[in-house]
Amino acid sequence: MINKAIKIIAALVLIGLCLYVVTQNSAAAKVYLTPGWSISASTGVILIIVFVLGLLCATIVAAYFAVRAGLRERRLLRAEQERQAFF
């Protein structure tokens, strides 16, 4: 129950911080993705989007290395089991 309450409080704090960033950075900004394609939005919204995209990229990289390590661990465990079965 306490863990659930902590998660709810953390989510509310995160939402509050996002709202604070958006309201404090309300000036318009234009981001050029390609020479012909640009996005115009509030600076706060752009900051939050860039943060989320960075978080997503870091998650993908971490997941790649976690899967690689898991496969290596599985291979080593299988080799150890074969070695134990031999003796």
PDB file of N, CA and C in Angstrom:
ATOM      1  N   MET A   1       0.821  -1.192   0.000  1.00  0.00           N
ATOM      2  CA  MET A   1       0.000   0.000   0.000  1.00  0.00           C
ATOM      3  C   MET A   1       0.869   1.261   0.000  1.00  0.00           C
ATOM      4  N   ILE A   2       1.946   1.223   0.789  1.00  0.00           N
ATOM      5  CA  ILE A   2       2.833   2.385   0.854  1.00  0.00           C
ATOM      6  C   ILE A   2       3.535   2.580  -0.487  1.00  0.00           C
ATOM      7  N   ASN A   3       3.937   1.473  -1.137  1.00  0.00           N
ATOM      8  CA  ASN A   3       4.586   1.591  -2.441  1.00  0.00           C
ATOM      9  C   ASN A   3       3.651   2.223  -3.463  1.00  0.00           C
ATOM     10  N   LYS A   4       2.365   1.869  -3.402  1.00  0.00           N
ATOM     11  CA  LYS A   4       1.386   2.444  -4.314  1.00  0.00           C
ATOM     12  C   LYS A   4       1.254   3.952  -4.072  1.00  0.00           C
ATOM     13  N   ALA A   5       1.224   4.341  -2.809  1.00  0.00           N
ATOM     14  CA  ALA A   5       1.109   5.752  -2.459  1.00  0.00           C
ATOM     15  C   ALA A   5       2.338   6.523  -2.918  1.00  0.00           C
ATOM     16  N   ILE A   6       3.514   5.923  -2.766  1.00  0.00           N
ATOM     17  CA  ILE A   6       4.744   6.580  -3.204  1.00  0.00           C
ATOM     18  C   ILE A   6       4.735   6.762  -4.717  1.00  0.00           C
ATOM     19  N   LYS A   7       4.261   5.747  -5.455  1.00  0.00           N
ATOM     20  CA  LYS A   7       4.190   5.863  -6.913  1.00  0.00           C
ATOM     21  C   LYS A   7       3.212   6.945  -7.335  1.00  0.00           C
ATOM     22  N   ILE A   8       2.079   7.031  -6.658  1.00  0.00           N
ATOM     23  CA  ILE A   8       1.091   8.066  -6.987  1.00  0.00           C
ATOM     24  C   ILE A   8       1.658   9.452  -6.701  1.00  0.00           C
ATOM     25  N   ILE A   9       2.324   9.604  -5.560  1.00  0.00           N
ATOM     26  CA  ILE A   9       2.927  10.892  -5.210  1.00  0.00           C
ATOM     27  C   ILE A   9       4.016  11.257  -6.210  1.00  0.00           C
ATOM     28  N   ALA A  10       4.839  10.280  -6.610  1.00  0.00           N
ATOM     29  CA  ALA A  10       5.894  10.548  -7.582  1.00  0.00           C
ATOM     30  C   ALA A  10       5.299  10.970  -8.924  1.00  0.00           C
ATOM     31  N   ALA A  11       4.216  10.319  -9.346  1.00  0.00           N
ATOM     32  CA  ALA A  11       3.562  10.690 -10.601  1.00  0.00           C
ATOM     33  C   ALA A  11       2.996  12.102 -10.518  1.00  0.00           C
ATOM     34  N   LEU A  12       2.392  12.449  -9.390  1.00  0.00           N
ATOM     35  CA  LEU A  12       1.848  13.796  -9.220  1.00  0.00           C
ATOM     36  C   LEU A  12       2.956  14.846  -9.217  1.00  0.00           C
ATOM     37  N   VAL A  13       4.069  14.538  -8.579  1.00  0.00           N
ATOM     38  CA  VAL A  13       5.205  15.463  -8.575  1.00  0.00           C
ATOM     39  C   VAL A  13       5.742  15.644  -9.994  1.00  0.00           C
ATOM     40  N   LEU A  14       5.842  14.555 -10.743  1.00  0.00           N
ATOM     41  CA  LEU A  14       6.313  14.629 -12.123  1.00  0.00           C
ATOM     42  C   LEU A  14       5.372  15.466 -12.981  1.00  0.00           C
ATOM     43  N   ILE A  15       4.077  15.263 -12.824  1.00  0.00           N
ATOM     44  CA  ILE A  15       3.101  16.062 -13.567  1.00  0.00           C
ATOM     45  C   ILE A  15       3.214  17.533 -13.178  1.00  0.00           C
ATOM     46  N   GLY A  16       3.381  17.787 -11.893  1.00  0.00           N
ATOM     47  CA  GLY A  16       3.554  19.161 -11.430  1.00  0.00           C
ATOM     48  C   GLY A  16       4.794  19.817 -12.007  1.00  0.00           C
ATOM     49  N   LEU A  17       5.893  19.063 -12.046  1.00  0.00           N
ATOM     50  CA  LEU A  17       7.123  19.610 -12.627  1.00  0.00           C
ATOM     51  C   LEU A  17       6.951  19.894 -14.117  1.00  0.00           C
ATOM     52  N   CYS A  18       6.266  19.003 -14.819  1.00  0.00           N
ATOM     53  CA  CYS A  18       6.016  19.230 -16.248  1.00  0.00           C
ATOM     54  C   CYS A  18       5.172  20.485 -16.456  1.00  0.00           C
ATOM     55  N   LEU A  19       4.136  20.639 -15.663  1.00  0.00           N
ATOM     56  CA  LEU A  19       3.306  21.843 -15.773  1.00  0.00           C
ATOM     57  C   LEU A  19       4.102  23.096 -15.443  1.00  0.00           C
ATOM     58  N   TYR A  20       4.979  23.006 -14.455  1.00  0.00           N
ATOM     59  CA  TYR A  20       5.826  24.148 -14.096  1.00  0.00           C
ATOM     60  C   TYR A  20       6.747  24.523 -15.247  1.00  0.00           C
ATOM     61  N   VAL A  21       7.367  23.535 -15.874  1.00  0.00           N
ATOM     62  CA  VAL A  21       8.271  23.805 -16.996  1.00  0.00           C
ATOM     63  C   VAL A  21       7.503  24.438 -18.149  1.00  0.00           C
ATOM     64  N   VAL A  22       6.321  23.932 -18.442  1.00  0.00           N
ATOM     65  CA  VAL A  22       5.537  24.461 -19.559  1.00  0.00           C
ATOM     66  C   VAL A  22       5.081  25.890 -19.267  1.00  0.00           C
ATOM     67  N   THR A  23       4.610  26.150 -18.059  1.00  0.00           N
ATOM     68  CA  THR A  23       4.118  27.495 -17.763  1.00  0.00           C
ATOM     69  C   THR A  23       5.250  28.517 -17.628  1.00  0.00           C
ATOM     70  N   GLN A  24       6.406  28.113 -17.173  1.00  0.00           N
ATOM     71  CA  GLN A  24       7.521  29.044 -17.029  1.00  0.00           C
ATOM     72  C   GLN A  24       8.236  29.314 -18.355  1.00  0.00           C
ATOM     73  N   ASN A  25       8.089  28.429 -19.320  1.00  0.00           N
ATOM     74  CA  ASN A  25       8.718  28.586 -20.632  1.00  0.00           C
ATOM     75  C   ASN A  25       7.631  28.641 -21.706  1.00  0.00           C
ATOM     76  N   SER A  26       6.841  29.695 -21.667  1.00  0.00           N
ATOM     77  CA  SER A  26       5.694  29.777 -22.560  1.00  0.00           C
ATOM     78  C   SER A  26       6.012  30.461 -23.887  1.00  0.00           C
ATOM     79  N   ALA A  27       7.203  30.963 -24.066  1.00  0.00           N
ATOM     80  CA  ALA A  27       7.556  31.618 -25.325  1.00  0.00           C
ATOM     81  C   ALA A  27       7.582  30.589 -26.450  1.00  0.00           C
ATOM     82  N   ALA A  28       7.247  31.050 -27.631  1.00  0.00           N
ATOM     83  CA  ALA A  28       7.227  30.143 -28.784  1.00  0.00           C
ATOM     84  C   ALA A  28       8.657  29.864 -29.256  1.00  0.00           C
ATOM     85  N   ALA A  29       8.877  28.655 -29.688  1.00  0.00           N
ATOM     86  CA  ALA A  29      10.180  28.261 -30.235  1.00  0.00           C
ATOM     87  C   ALA A  29       9.926  27.437 -31.484  1.00  0.00           C
ATOM     88  N   LYS A  30      10.858  27.492 -32.400  1.00  0.00           N
ATOM     89  CA  LYS A  30      10.722  26.751 -33.646  1.00  0.00           C
ATOM     90  C   LYS A  30      11.910  25.810 -33.770  1.00  0.00           C
ATOM     91  N   VAL A  31      11.625  24.528 -33.956  1.00  0.00           N
ATOM     92  CA  VAL A  31      12.661  23.513 -34.104  1.00  0.00           C
ATOM     93  C   VAL A  31      12.640  23.040 -35.550  1.00  0.00           C
ATOM     94  N   TYR A  32      13.789  23.161 -36.212  1.00  0.00           N
ATOM     95  CA  TYR A  32      13.911  22.726 -37.607  1.00  0.00           C
ATOM     96  C   TYR A  32      14.435  21.298 -37.637  1.00  0.00           C
ATOM     97  N   LEU A  33      13.587  20.352 -38.040  1.00  0.00           N
ATOM     98  CA  LEU A  33      13.989  18.954 -38.124  1.00  0.00           C
ATOM     99  C   LEU A  33      14.691  18.666 -39.442  1.00  0.00           C
ATOM    100  N   THR A  34      14.172  19.203 -40.513  1.00  0.00           N
ATOM    101  CA  THR A  34      14.792  19.157 -41.841  1.00  0.00           C
ATOM    102  C   THR A  34      14.614  20.546 -42.443  1.00  0.00           C
ATOM    103  N   PRO A  35      15.274  20.833 -43.565  1.00  0.00           N
ATOM    104  CA  PRO A  35      15.099  22.169 -44.150  1.00  0.00           C
ATOM    105  C   PRO A  35      13.641  22.499 -44.495  1.00  0.00           C
ATOM    106  N   GLY A  36      12.835  21.490 -44.795  1.00  0.00           N
ATOM    107  CA  GLY A  36      11.454  21.758 -45.153  1.00  0.00           C
ATOM    108  C   GLY A  36      10.447  21.478 -44.056  1.00  0.00           C
ATOM    109  N   TRP A  37      10.886  20.923 -42.933  1.00  0.00           N
ATOM    110  CA  TRP A  37       9.951  20.524 -41.884  1.00  0.00           C
ATOM    111  C   TRP A  37      10.396  21.095 -40.550  1.00  0.00           C
ATOM    112  N   SER A  38       9.528  21.880 -39.939  1.00  0.00           N
ATOM    113  CA  SER A  38       9.841  22.468 -38.641  1.00  0.00           C
ATOM    114  C   SER A  38       8.621  22.362 -37.742  1.00  0.00           C
ATOM    115  N   ILE A  39       8.877  22.410 -36.435  1.00  0.00           N
ATOM    116  CA  ILE A  39       7.812  22.345 -35.438  1.00  0.00           C
ATOM    117  C   ILE A  39       7.872  23.627 -34.616  1.00  0.00           C
ATOM    118  N   SER A  40       6.724  24.261 -34.481  1.00  0.00           N
ATOM    119  CA  SER A  40       6.640  25.463 -33.660  1.00  0.00           C
ATOM    120  C   SER A  40       5.731  25.169 -32.473  1.00  0.00           C
ATOM    121  N   ALA A  41       6.268  25.347 -31.276  1.00  0.00           N
ATOM    122  CA  ALA A  41       5.502  25.070 -30.062  1.00  0.00           C
ATOM    123  C   ALA A  41       6.094  25.865 -28.913  1.00  0.00           C
ATOM    124  N   SER A  42       5.477  25.729 -27.775  1.00  0.00           N
ATOM    125  CA  SER A  42       5.967  26.370 -26.570  1.00  0.00           C
ATOM    126  C   SER A  42       7.332  25.773 -26.198  1.00  0.00           C
ATOM    127  N   THR A  43       8.208  26.603 -25.680  1.00  0.00           N
ATOM    128  CA  THR A  43       9.534  26.137 -25.300  1.00  0.00           C
ATOM    129  C   THR A  43       9.455  25.033 -24.251  1.00  0.00           C
ATOM    130  N   GLY A  44       8.542  25.155 -23.314  1.00  0.00           N
ATOM    131  CA  GLY A  44       8.387  24.131 -22.276  1.00  0.00           C
ATOM    132  C   GLY A  44       7.978  22.794 -22.850  1.00  0.00           C
ATOM    133  N   VAL A  45       7.064  22.817 -23.815  1.00  0.00           N
ATOM    134  CA  VAL A  45       6.629  21.575 -24.450  1.00  0.00           C
ATOM    135  C   VAL A  45       7.786  20.942 -25.209  1.00  0.00           C
ATOM    136  N   ILE A  46       8.555  21.748 -25.904  1.00  0.00           N
ATOM    137  CA  ILE A  46       9.702  21.225 -26.653  1.00  0.00           C
ATOM    138  C   ILE A  46      10.736  20.633 -25.700  1.00  0.00           C
ATOM    139  N   LEU A  47      10.970  21.294 -24.564  1.00  0.00           N
ATOM    140  CA  LEU A  47      11.923  20.759 -23.579  1.00  0.00           C
ATOM    141  C   LEU A  47      11.471  19.400 -23.056  1.00  0.00           C
ATOM    142  N   ILE A  48      10.189  19.270 -22.768  1.00  0.00           N
ATOM    143  CA  ILE A  48       9.672  17.995 -22.260  1.00  0.00           C
ATOM    144  C   ILE A  48       9.766  16.920 -23.327  1.00  0.00           C
ATOM    145  N   ILE A  49       9.451  17.244 -24.576  1.00  0.00           N
ATOM    146  CA  ILE A  49       9.539  16.270 -25.665  1.00  0.00           C
ATOM    147  C   ILE A  49      10.976  15.812 -25.859  1.00  0.00           C
ATOM    148  N   VAL A  50      11.918  16.739 -25.827  1.00  0.00           N
ATOM    149  CA  VAL A  50      13.330  16.379 -25.991  1.00  0.00           C
ATOM    150  C   VAL A  50      13.791  15.502 -24.825  1.00  0.00           C
ATOM    151  N   PHE A  51      13.356  15.812 -23.612  1.00  0.00           N
ATOM    152  CA  PHE A  51      13.709  14.992 -22.449  1.00  0.00           C
ATOM    153  C   PHE A  51      13.172  13.575 -22.603  1.00  0.00           C
ATOM    154  N   VAL A  52      11.911  13.440 -23.019  1.00  0.00           N
ATOM    155  CA  VAL A  52      11.301  12.118 -23.187  1.00  0.00           C
ATOM    156  C   VAL A  52      11.998  11.336 -24.295  1.00  0.00           C
ATOM    157  N   LEU A  53      12.357  12.009 -25.395  1.00  0.00           N
ATOM    158  CA  LEU A  53      13.070  11.328 -26.474  1.00  0.00           C
ATOM    159  C   LEU A  53      14.450  10.852 -26.008  1.00  0.00           C
ATOM    160  N   GLY A  54      15.136  11.649 -25.218  1.00  0.00           N
ATOM    161  CA  GLY A  54      16.422  11.228 -24.668  1.00  0.00           C
ATOM    162  C   GLY A  54      16.271  10.053 -23.732  1.00  0.00           C
ATOM    163  N   LEU A  55      15.227  10.074 -22.922  1.00  0.00           N
ATOM    164  CA  LEU A  55      14.944   8.957 -22.023  1.00  0.00           C
ATOM    165  C   LEU A  55      14.653   7.690 -22.813  1.00  0.00           C
ATOM    166  N   LEU A  56      13.894   7.818 -23.895  1.00  0.00           N
ATOM    167  CA  LEU A  56      13.572   6.672 -24.743  1.00  0.00           C
ATOM    168  C   LEU A  56      14.825   6.095 -25.397  1.00  0.00           C
ATOM    169  N   CYS A  57      15.691   6.964 -25.903  1.00  0.00           N
ATOM    170  CA  CYS A  57      16.943   6.483 -26.516  1.00  0.00           C
ATOM    171  C   CYS A  57      17.824   5.774 -25.487  1.00  0.00           C
ATOM    172  N   ALA A  58      17.934   6.327 -24.295  1.00  0.00           N
ATOM    173  CA  ALA A  58      18.735   5.693 -23.250  1.00  0.00           C
ATOM    174  C   ALA A  58      18.141   4.347 -22.850  1.00  0.00           C
ATOM    175  N   THR A  59      16.817   4.253 -22.828  1.00  0.00           N
ATOM    176  CA  THR A  59      16.153   2.994 -22.492  1.00  0.00           C
ATOM    177  C   THR A  59      16.432   1.935 -23.550  1.00  0.00           C
ATOM    178  N   ILE A  60      16.394   2.330 -24.809  1.00  0.00           N
ATOM    179  CA  ILE A  60      16.662   1.380 -25.894  1.00  0.00           C
ATOM    180  C   ILE A  60      18.093   0.864 -25.817  1.00  0.00           C
ATOM    181  N   VAL A  61      19.040   1.743 -25.570  1.00  0.00           N
ATOM    182  CA  VAL A  61      20.445   1.325 -25.458  1.00  0.00           C
ATOM    183  C   VAL A  61      20.632   0.406 -24.251  1.00  0.00           C
ATOM    184  N   ALA A  62      20.029   0.755 -23.125  1.00  0.00           N
ATOM    185  CA  ALA A  62      20.146  -0.082 -21.929  1.00  0.00           C
ATOM    186  C   ALA A  62      19.497  -1.447 -22.143  1.00  0.00           C
ATOM    187  N   ALA A  63      18.365  -1.473 -22.835  1.00  0.00           N
ATOM    188  CA  ALA A  63      17.697  -2.749 -23.116  1.00  0.00           C
ATOM    189  C   ALA A  63      18.564  -3.628 -24.011  1.00  0.00           C
ATOM    190  N   TYR A  64      19.229  -3.040 -24.987  1.00  0.00           N
ATOM    191  CA  TYR A  64      20.114  -3.795 -25.868  1.00  0.00           C
ATOM    192  C   TYR A  64      21.223  -4.475 -25.063  1.00  0.00           C
ATOM    193  N   PHE A  65      21.875  -3.699 -24.194  1.00  0.00           N
ATOM    194  CA  PHE A  65      22.961  -4.273 -23.401  1.00  0.00           C
ATOM    195  C   PHE A  65      22.449  -5.281 -22.374  1.00  0.00           C
ATOM    196  N   ALA A  66      21.240  -5.075 -21.852  1.00  0.00           N
ATOM    197  CA  ALA A  66      20.668  -6.025 -20.901  1.00  0.00           C
ATOM    198  C   ALA A  66      20.363  -7.352 -21.582  1.00  0.00           C
ATOM    199  N   VAL A  67      19.826  -7.301 -22.789  1.00  0.00           N
ATOM    200  CA  VAL A  67      19.539  -8.536 -23.524  1.00  0.00           C
ATOM    201  C   VAL A  67      20.835  -9.254 -23.860  1.00  0.00           C
ATOM    202  N   ARG A  68      21.837  -8.499 -24.282  1.00  0.00           N
ATOM    203  CA  ARG A  68      23.139  -9.107 -24.580  1.00  0.00           C
ATOM    204  C   ARG A  68      23.724  -9.791 -23.356  1.00  0.00           C
ATOM    205  N   ALA A  69      23.673  -9.129 -22.213  1.00  0.00           N
ATOM    206  CA  ALA A  69      24.205  -9.715 -20.983  1.00  0.00           C
ATOM    207  C   ALA A  69      23.392 -10.934 -20.561  1.00  0.00           C
ATOM    208  N   GLY A  70      22.078 -10.871 -20.744  1.00  0.00           N
ATOM    209  CA  GLY A  70      21.234 -12.005 -20.394  1.00  0.00           C
ATOM    210  C   GLY A  70      21.538 -13.223 -21.254  1.00  0.00           C
ATOM    211  N   LEU A  71      21.754 -13.007 -22.539  1.00  0.00           N
ATOM    212  CA  LEU A  71      22.102 -14.112 -23.430  1.00  0.00           C
ATOM    213  C   LEU A  71      23.458 -14.706 -23.068  1.00  0.00           C
ATOM    214  N   ARG A  72      24.409 -13.850 -22.712  1.00  0.00           N
ATOM    215  CA  ARG A  72      25.720 -14.339 -22.305  1.00  0.00           C
ATOM    216  C   ARG A  72      25.622 -15.145 -21.015  1.00  0.00           C
ATOM    217  N   GLU A  73      24.821 -14.649 -20.069  1.00  0.00           N
ATOM    218  CA  GLU A  73      24.633 -15.366 -18.800  1.00  0.00           C
ATOM    219  C   GLU A  73      23.972 -16.714 -19.036  1.00  0.00           C
ATOM    220  N   ARG A  74      22.983 -16.751 -19.913  1.00  0.00           N
ATOM    221  CA  ARG A  74      22.305 -18.010 -20.219  1.00  0.00           C
ATOM    222  C   ARG A  74      23.272 -19.015 -20.836  1.00  0.00           C
ATOM    223  N   ARG A  75      24.133 -18.528 -21.736  1.00  0.00           N
ATOM    224  CA  ARG A  75      25.120 -19.406 -22.367  1.00  0.00           C
ATOM    225  C   ARG A  75      26.101 -19.956 -21.337  1.00  0.00           C
ATOM    226  N   LEU A  76      26.539 -19.108 -20.421  1.00  0.00           N
ATOM    227  CA  LEU A  76      27.471 -19.553 -19.390  1.00  0.00           C
ATOM    228  C   LEU A  76      26.820 -20.542 -18.427  1.00  0.00           C
ATOM    229  N   LEU A  77      25.560 -20.321 -18.082  1.00  0.00           N
ATOM    230  CA  LEU A  77      24.855 -21.257 -17.206  1.00  0.00           C
ATOM    231  C   LEU A  77      24.675 -22.615 -17.879  1.00  0.00           C
ATOM    232  N   ARG A  78      24.341 -22.599 -19.173  1.00  0.00           N
ATOM    233  CA  ARG A  78      24.185 -23.856 -19.899  1.00  0.00           C
ATOM    234  C   ARG A  78      25.517 -24.607 -19.959  1.00  0.00           C
ATOM    235  N   ALA A  79      26.615 -23.896 -20.183  1.00  0.00           N
ATOM    236  CA  ALA A  79      27.930 -24.538 -20.214  1.00  0.00           C
ATOM    237  C   ALA A  79      28.281 -25.112 -18.847  1.00  0.00           C
ATOM    238  N   GLU A  80      27.933 -24.386 -17.800  1.00  0.00           N
ATOM    239  CA  GLU A  80      28.197 -24.878 -16.438  1.00  0.00           C
ATOM    240  C   GLU A  80      27.364 -26.126 -16.136  1.00  0.00           C
ATOM    241  N   GLN A  81      26.120 -26.149 -16.566  1.00  0.00           N
ATOM    242  CA  GLN A  81      25.277 -27.323 -16.347  1.00  0.00           C
ATOM    243  C   GLN A  81      25.812 -28.530 -17.112  1.00  0.00           C
ATOM    244  N   GLU A  82      26.276 -28.303 -18.325  1.00  0.00           N
ATOM    245  CA  GLU A  82      26.867 -29.404 -19.098  1.00  0.00           C
ATOM    246  C   GLU A  82      28.141 -29.925 -18.419  1.00  0.00           C
ATOM    247  N   ARG A  83      28.925 -29.003 -17.869  1.00  0.00           N
ATOM    248  CA  ARG A  83      30.138 -29.411 -17.172  1.00  0.00           C
ATOM    249  C   ARG A  83      29.803 -30.200 -15.920  1.00  0.00           C
ATOM    250  N   GLN A  84      28.755 -29.770 -15.180  1.00  0.00           N
ATOM    251  CA  GLN A  84      28.331 -30.488 -13.975  1.00  0.00           C
ATOM    252  C   GLN A  84      27.780 -31.868 -14.334  1.00  0.00           C
ATOM    253  N   ALA A  85      27.049 -31.968 -15.441  1.00  0.00           N
ATOM    254  CA  ALA A  85      26.486 -33.251 -15.864  1.00  0.00           C
ATOM    255  C   ALA A  85      27.572 -34.206 -16.295  1.00  0.00           C
ATOM    256  N   PHE A  86      28.658 -33.701 -16.812  1.00  0.00           N
ATOM    257  CA  PHE A  86      29.755 -34.556 -17.271  1.00  0.00           C
ATOM    258  C   PHE A  86      30.427 -35.238 -16.093  1.00  0.00           C
ATOM    259  N   PHE A  87      30.585 -34.480 -14.987  1.00  0.00           N
ATOM    260  CA  PHE A  87      31.253 -35.070 -13.817  1.00  0.00           C
ATOM    261  C   PHE A  87      30.215 -35.713 -12.980  1.00  0.00           C
TER     262      PHE A  87
END
